[in-house]
Amino acid sequence: MTTALYPGSFDPAHNGHLDVIQRAAALFDRVVVGVARETQKNGLFAVAERVAILREATASLRGVEVRPYGGLTVVFARRVGADVIVKGLRGVEDFEHELRQAVMNRRLGGLDTAFFMPSPPYAQISSTLIRQVVRLGGDVSAFVPAAVARRLPRRRGPRRALAAPRPRRT
């Protein structure tokens, strides 16, 4: 049985993440989605909410489980019996960052990383962009699973943030 670990902050989870999870589930016997507790990002959801969201969004996928984790990804990967780490790559920026992580994970834990290119509709979606749009009061429901969209109204910023700035008086 081959187990893959798909680690990330998933704050928020978006349709690109789900695309990678679905595709990984088709290739591996078991996919553990690892939701990182430690993150330097100014997020929208606590780790328990992110885990609940992903569990709901992946409930129909066979062989997928969602778990929170802290510390080094390679240590968690070994704990869950992962044979490979799965990561999504949207472009060159992602590649440079993920390549460094993959090399370190290989050196520290002997684990290879399988990179998934995004399906075209998800190529430019990122959690960072979604957080920015949400904080400015925008609608991101087309980019996120229903489990995220239902929870977003409590986190939206004021609609006036979308208005053009007023000219300064001199």
C-alpha atoms as a PDB file:
ATOM      1  CA  MET A   1       0.000   0.000   0.000  1.00  0.00           C
ATOM      2  CA  THR A   2       1.435   3.372  -1.038  1.00  0.00           C
ATOM      3  CA  THR A   3       0.788   6.350   1.208  1.00  0.00           C
ATOM      4  CA  ALA A   4       1.208   9.965   0.119  1.00  0.00           C
ATOM      5  CA  LEU A   5       1.333  12.986   2.401  1.00  0.00           C
ATOM      6  CA  TYR A   6      -0.056  16.263   1.057  1.00  0.00           C
ATOM      7  CA  PRO A   7       1.060  18.893   3.606  1.00  0.00           C
ATOM      8  CA  GLY A   8       0.074  22.547   3.724  1.00  0.00           C
ATOM      9  CA  SER A   9      -1.554  25.311   5.691  1.00  0.00           C
ATOM     10  CA  PHE A  10      -4.746  25.188   3.583  1.00  0.00           C
ATOM     11  CA  ASP A  11      -5.839  28.599   4.871  1.00  0.00           C
ATOM     12  CA  PRO A  12      -8.211  28.585   3.234  1.00  0.00           C
ATOM     13  CA  ALA A  13      -8.502  25.352   1.311  1.00  0.00           C
ATOM     14  CA  HIS A  14      -9.405  26.085  -2.308  1.00  0.00           C
ATOM     15  CA  ASN A  15     -10.458  24.160  -5.391  1.00  0.00           C
ATOM     16  CA  GLY A  16      -6.849  23.819  -6.540  1.00  0.00           C
ATOM     17  CA  HIS A  17      -6.041  21.965  -3.317  1.00  0.00           C
ATOM     18  CA  LEU A  18      -9.027  19.675  -3.839  1.00  0.00           C
ATOM     19  CA  ASP A  19      -7.908  19.010  -7.413  1.00  0.00           C
ATOM     20  CA  VAL A  20      -4.501  17.835  -6.158  1.00  0.00           C
ATOM     21  CA  ILE A  21      -6.116  15.697  -3.431  1.00  0.00           C
ATOM     22  CA  GLN A  22      -8.474  14.041  -5.934  1.00  0.00           C
ATOM     23  CA  ARG A  23      -5.672  13.342  -8.390  1.00  0.00           C
ATOM     24  CA  ALA A  24      -3.381  12.004  -5.655  1.00  0.00           C
ATOM     25  CA  ALA A  25      -6.199   9.760  -4.390  1.00  0.00           C
ATOM     26  CA  ALA A  26      -6.442   8.265  -7.881  1.00  0.00           C
ATOM     27  CA  LEU A  27      -2.717   7.388  -7.855  1.00  0.00           C
ATOM     28  CA  PHE A  28      -2.017   6.378  -4.260  1.00  0.00           C
ATOM     29  CA  ASP A  29      -3.774   3.901  -1.985  1.00  0.00           C
ATOM     30  CA  ARG A  30      -3.882   6.357   0.897  1.00  0.00           C
ATOM     31  CA  VAL A  31      -3.526  10.145   0.987  1.00  0.00           C
ATOM     32  CA  VAL A  32      -2.970  11.920   4.281  1.00  0.00           C
ATOM     33  CA  VAL A  33      -3.713  15.632   4.067  1.00  0.00           C
ATOM     34  CA  GLY A  34      -1.496  17.201   6.729  1.00  0.00           C
ATOM     35  CA  VAL A  35      -2.780  20.542   8.008  1.00  0.00           C
ATOM     36  CA  ALA A  36       0.123  22.512   9.468  1.00  0.00           C
ATOM     37  CA  ARG A  37      -0.407  24.099  12.869  1.00  0.00           C
ATOM     38  CA  GLU A  38       2.590  26.407  12.576  1.00  0.00           C
ATOM     39  CA  THR A  39       2.314  28.972   9.863  1.00  0.00           C
ATOM     40  CA  GLN A  40       3.758  32.453   9.397  1.00  0.00           C
ATOM     41  CA  LYS A  41       0.690  33.432   7.429  1.00  0.00           C
ATOM     42  CA  ASN A  42      -1.980  35.807   8.700  1.00  0.00           C
ATOM     43  CA  GLY A  43      -4.747  33.289   8.206  1.00  0.00           C
ATOM     44  CA  LEU A  44      -8.512  33.188   8.216  1.00  0.00           C
ATOM     45  CA  PHE A  45      -9.140  29.914  10.032  1.00  0.00           C
ATOM     46  CA  ALA A  46      -7.817  28.152  13.121  1.00  0.00           C
ATOM     47  CA  VAL A  47      -6.270  24.734  12.539  1.00  0.00           C
ATOM     48  CA  ALA A  48      -9.359  22.911  13.878  1.00  0.00           C
ATOM     49  CA  GLU A  49     -11.551  24.749  11.359  1.00  0.00           C
ATOM     50  CA  ARG A  50      -9.168  23.980   8.494  1.00  0.00           C
ATOM     51  CA  VAL A  51      -9.194  20.292   9.427  1.00  0.00           C
ATOM     52  CA  ALA A  52     -13.013  20.268   9.630  1.00  0.00           C
ATOM     53  CA  ILE A  53     -13.308  22.043   6.271  1.00  0.00           C
ATOM     54  CA  LEU A  54     -11.001  19.581   4.528  1.00  0.00           C
ATOM     55  CA  ARG A  55     -12.667  16.570   6.128  1.00  0.00           C
ATOM     56  CA  GLU A  56     -16.021  17.790   4.848  1.00  0.00           C
ATOM     57  CA  ALA A  57     -14.663  18.620   1.393  1.00  0.00           C
ATOM     58  CA  THR A  58     -12.940  15.223   1.000  1.00  0.00           C
ATOM     59  CA  ALA A  59     -15.566  13.026   2.688  1.00  0.00           C
ATOM     60  CA  SER A  60     -16.518  11.335  -0.585  1.00  0.00           C
ATOM     61  CA  LEU A  61     -12.920  10.480  -1.528  1.00  0.00           C
ATOM     62  CA  ARG A  62     -11.798   6.963  -0.746  1.00  0.00           C
ATOM     63  CA  GLY A  63      -8.476   6.592   1.069  1.00  0.00           C
ATOM     64  CA  VAL A  64      -8.177  10.260   2.082  1.00  0.00           C
ATOM     65  CA  GLU A  65      -7.722  11.312   5.686  1.00  0.00           C
ATOM     66  CA  VAL A  66      -7.074  14.750   7.146  1.00  0.00           C
ATOM     67  CA  ARG A  67      -4.859  15.315  10.187  1.00  0.00           C
ATOM     68  CA  PRO A  68      -3.357  18.353  11.887  1.00  0.00           C
ATOM     69  CA  TYR A  69       0.375  18.302  12.555  1.00  0.00           C
ATOM     70  CA  GLY A  70       3.172  20.386  13.978  1.00  0.00           C
ATOM     71  CA  GLY A  71       6.923  20.353  13.558  1.00  0.00           C
ATOM     72  CA  LEU A  72       8.904  19.033  10.638  1.00  0.00           C
ATOM     73  CA  THR A  73       6.919  17.672   7.732  1.00  0.00           C
ATOM     74  CA  VAL A  74       9.320  14.731   7.282  1.00  0.00           C
ATOM     75  CA  VAL A  75       8.814  13.663  10.904  1.00  0.00           C
ATOM     76  CA  PHE A  76       5.036  13.736  10.437  1.00  0.00           C
ATOM     77  CA  ALA A  77       5.422  11.906   7.112  1.00  0.00           C
ATOM     78  CA  ARG A  78       7.280   9.075   8.827  1.00  0.00           C
ATOM     79  CA  ARG A  79       4.704   8.991  11.646  1.00  0.00           C
ATOM     80  CA  VAL A  80       1.851   8.432   9.158  1.00  0.00           C
ATOM     81  CA  GLY A  81       3.871   5.962   7.073  1.00  0.00           C
ATOM     82  CA  ALA A  82       4.156   8.167   3.992  1.00  0.00           C
ATOM     83  CA  ASP A  83       6.169   6.862   1.063  1.00  0.00           C
ATOM     84  CA  VAL A  84       6.065  10.156  -0.825  1.00  0.00           C
ATOM     85  CA  ILE A  85       5.201  13.820  -0.283  1.00  0.00           C
ATOM     86  CA  VAL A  86       2.768  15.427  -2.732  1.00  0.00           C
ATOM     87  CA  LYS A  87       2.929  19.117  -3.612  1.00  0.00           C
ATOM     88  CA  GLY A  88       1.144  21.292  -6.153  1.00  0.00           C
ATOM     89  CA  LEU A  89       3.116  23.631  -8.424  1.00  0.00           C
ATOM     90  CA  ARG A  90       1.448  26.621 -10.067  1.00  0.00           C
ATOM     91  CA  GLY A  91       4.502  28.206 -11.609  1.00  0.00           C
ATOM     92  CA  VAL A  92       8.168  29.121 -11.385  1.00  0.00           C
ATOM     93  CA  GLU A  93       7.818  30.844  -7.996  1.00  0.00           C
ATOM     94  CA  ASP A  94       6.280  27.720  -6.484  1.00  0.00           C
ATOM     95  CA  PHE A  95       8.921  25.528  -8.114  1.00  0.00           C
ATOM     96  CA  GLU A  96      11.879  27.385  -6.607  1.00  0.00           C
ATOM     97  CA  HIS A  97      10.397  27.260  -3.108  1.00  0.00           C
ATOM     98  CA  GLU A  98       9.148  23.670  -3.365  1.00  0.00           C
ATOM     99  CA  LEU A  99      12.412  22.424  -4.874  1.00  0.00           C
ATOM    100  CA  ARG A 100      14.342  23.670  -1.830  1.00  0.00           C
ATOM    101  CA  GLN A 101      11.821  21.992   0.477  1.00  0.00           C
ATOM    102  CA  ALA A 102      11.908  18.754  -1.530  1.00  0.00           C
ATOM    103  CA  VAL A 103      15.707  18.606  -1.359  1.00  0.00           C
ATOM    104  CA  MET A 104      15.636  19.195   2.400  1.00  0.00           C
ATOM    105  CA  ASN A 105      12.891  16.592   2.922  1.00  0.00           C
ATOM    106  CA  ARG A 106      14.955  14.100   0.921  1.00  0.00           C
ATOM    107  CA  ARG A 107      18.087  14.818   2.955  1.00  0.00           C
ATOM    108  CA  LEU A 108      16.337  14.794   6.333  1.00  0.00           C
ATOM    109  CA  GLY A 109      13.873  11.981   5.795  1.00  0.00           C
ATOM    110  CA  GLY A 110      14.740  10.151   2.597  1.00  0.00           C
ATOM    111  CA  LEU A 111      11.360  11.014   1.092  1.00  0.00           C
ATOM    112  CA  ASP A 112      10.806  11.958  -2.512  1.00  0.00           C
ATOM    113  CA  THR A 113       8.320  14.629  -3.535  1.00  0.00           C
ATOM    114  CA  ALA A 114       5.807  14.147  -6.347  1.00  0.00           C
ATOM    115  CA  PHE A 115       4.843  17.438  -7.971  1.00  0.00           C
ATOM    116  CA  PHE A 116       1.397  17.942  -9.474  1.00  0.00           C
ATOM    117  CA  MET A 117       0.812  20.632 -12.073  1.00  0.00           C
ATOM    118  CA  PRO A 118      -2.550  22.346 -11.623  1.00  0.00           C
ATOM    119  CA  SER A 119      -5.499  21.592 -13.817  1.00  0.00           C
ATOM    120  CA  PRO A 120      -6.036  24.701 -16.009  1.00  0.00           C
ATOM    121  CA  PRO A 121      -9.014  26.175 -14.107  1.00  0.00           C
ATOM    122  CA  TYR A 122      -6.945  26.239 -10.901  1.00  0.00           C
ATOM    123  CA  ALA A 123      -3.579  27.401 -12.219  1.00  0.00           C
ATOM    124  CA  GLN A 124      -3.695  30.865 -10.652  1.00  0.00           C
ATOM    125  CA  ILE A 125      -5.626  30.197  -7.442  1.00  0.00           C
ATOM    126  CA  SER A 126      -3.718  30.671  -4.190  1.00  0.00           C
ATOM    127  CA  SER A 127      -4.773  30.859  -0.564  1.00  0.00           C
ATOM    128  CA  THR A 128      -2.909  34.158  -0.249  1.00  0.00           C
ATOM    129  CA  LEU A 129      -4.902  35.726  -3.078  1.00  0.00           C
ATOM    130  CA  ILE A 130      -8.156  34.353  -1.687  1.00  0.00           C
ATOM    131  CA  ARG A 131      -7.377  35.816   1.766  1.00  0.00           C
ATOM    132  CA  GLN A 132      -6.672  39.213   0.203  1.00  0.00           C
ATOM    133  CA  VAL A 133      -9.927  39.223  -1.761  1.00  0.00           C
ATOM    134  CA  VAL A 134     -11.924  38.089   1.291  1.00  0.00           C
ATOM    135  CA  ARG A 135     -10.411  40.799   3.486  1.00  0.00           C
ATOM    136  CA  LEU A 136     -11.409  43.392   0.911  1.00  0.00           C
ATOM    137  CA  GLY A 137     -14.976  42.109   0.861  1.00  0.00           C
ATOM    138  CA  GLY A 138     -14.861  40.193  -2.422  1.00  0.00           C
ATOM    139  CA  ASP A 139     -16.713  37.016  -3.333  1.00  0.00           C
ATOM    140  CA  VAL A 140     -14.440  33.979  -3.689  1.00  0.00           C
ATOM    141  CA  SER A 141     -17.145  31.301  -3.666  1.00  0.00           C
ATOM    142  CA  ALA A 142     -16.219  30.179  -7.199  1.00  0.00           C
ATOM    143  CA  PHE A 143     -12.694  29.303  -6.025  1.00  0.00           C
ATOM    144  CA  VAL A 144     -13.329  27.486  -2.747  1.00  0.00           C
ATOM    145  CA  PRO A 145     -15.283  24.431  -1.617  1.00  0.00           C
ATOM    146  CA  ALA A 146     -18.729  25.014  -0.103  1.00  0.00           C
ATOM    147  CA  ALA A 147     -17.334  24.227   3.363  1.00  0.00           C
ATOM    148  CA  VAL A 148     -15.114  27.316   3.080  1.00  0.00           C
ATOM    149  CA  ALA A 149     -17.686  29.572   1.405  1.00  0.00           C
ATOM    150  CA  ARG A 150     -20.198  28.965   4.219  1.00  0.00           C
ATOM    151  CA  ARG A 151     -17.682  30.093   6.826  1.00  0.00           C
ATOM    152  CA  LEU A 152     -16.396  33.200   5.030  1.00  0.00           C
ATOM    153  CA  PRO A 153     -19.103  35.806   5.755  1.00  0.00           C
ATOM    154  CA  ARG A 154     -17.778  36.088   9.321  1.00  0.00           C
ATOM    155  CA  ARG A 155     -14.330  36.950   7.996  1.00  0.00           C
ATOM    156  CA  ARG A 156     -15.114  39.415   5.236  1.00  0.00           C
ATOM    157  CA  GLY A 157     -13.808  42.924   5.475  1.00  0.00           C
ATOM    158  CA  PRO A 158     -15.861  46.051   4.934  1.00  0.00           C
ATOM    159  CA  ARG A 159     -17.242  46.490   1.418  1.00  0.00           C
ATOM    160  CA  ARG A 160     -16.041  50.079   1.401  1.00  0.00           C
ATOM    161  CA  ALA A 161     -12.493  48.748   1.137  1.00  0.00           C
ATOM    162  CA  LEU A 162     -13.166  48.200  -2.564  1.00  0.00           C
ATOM    163  CA  ALA A 163     -13.942  51.859  -3.178  1.00  0.00           C
ATOM    164  CA  ALA A 164     -11.387  54.057  -4.913  1.00  0.00           C
ATOM    165  CA  PRO A 165      -9.201  56.029  -2.515  1.00  0.00           C
ATOM    166  CA  ARG A 166     -10.233  59.593  -1.867  1.00  0.00           C
ATOM    167  CA  PRO A 167      -7.917  62.292  -3.174  1.00  0.00           C
ATOM    168  CA  ARG A 168      -5.765  63.859  -0.483  1.00  0.00           C
ATOM    169  CA  ARG A 169      -6.129  67.522   0.254  1.00  0.00           C
ATOM    170  CA  THR A 170      -2.991  69.543  -0.127  1.00  0.00           C
END
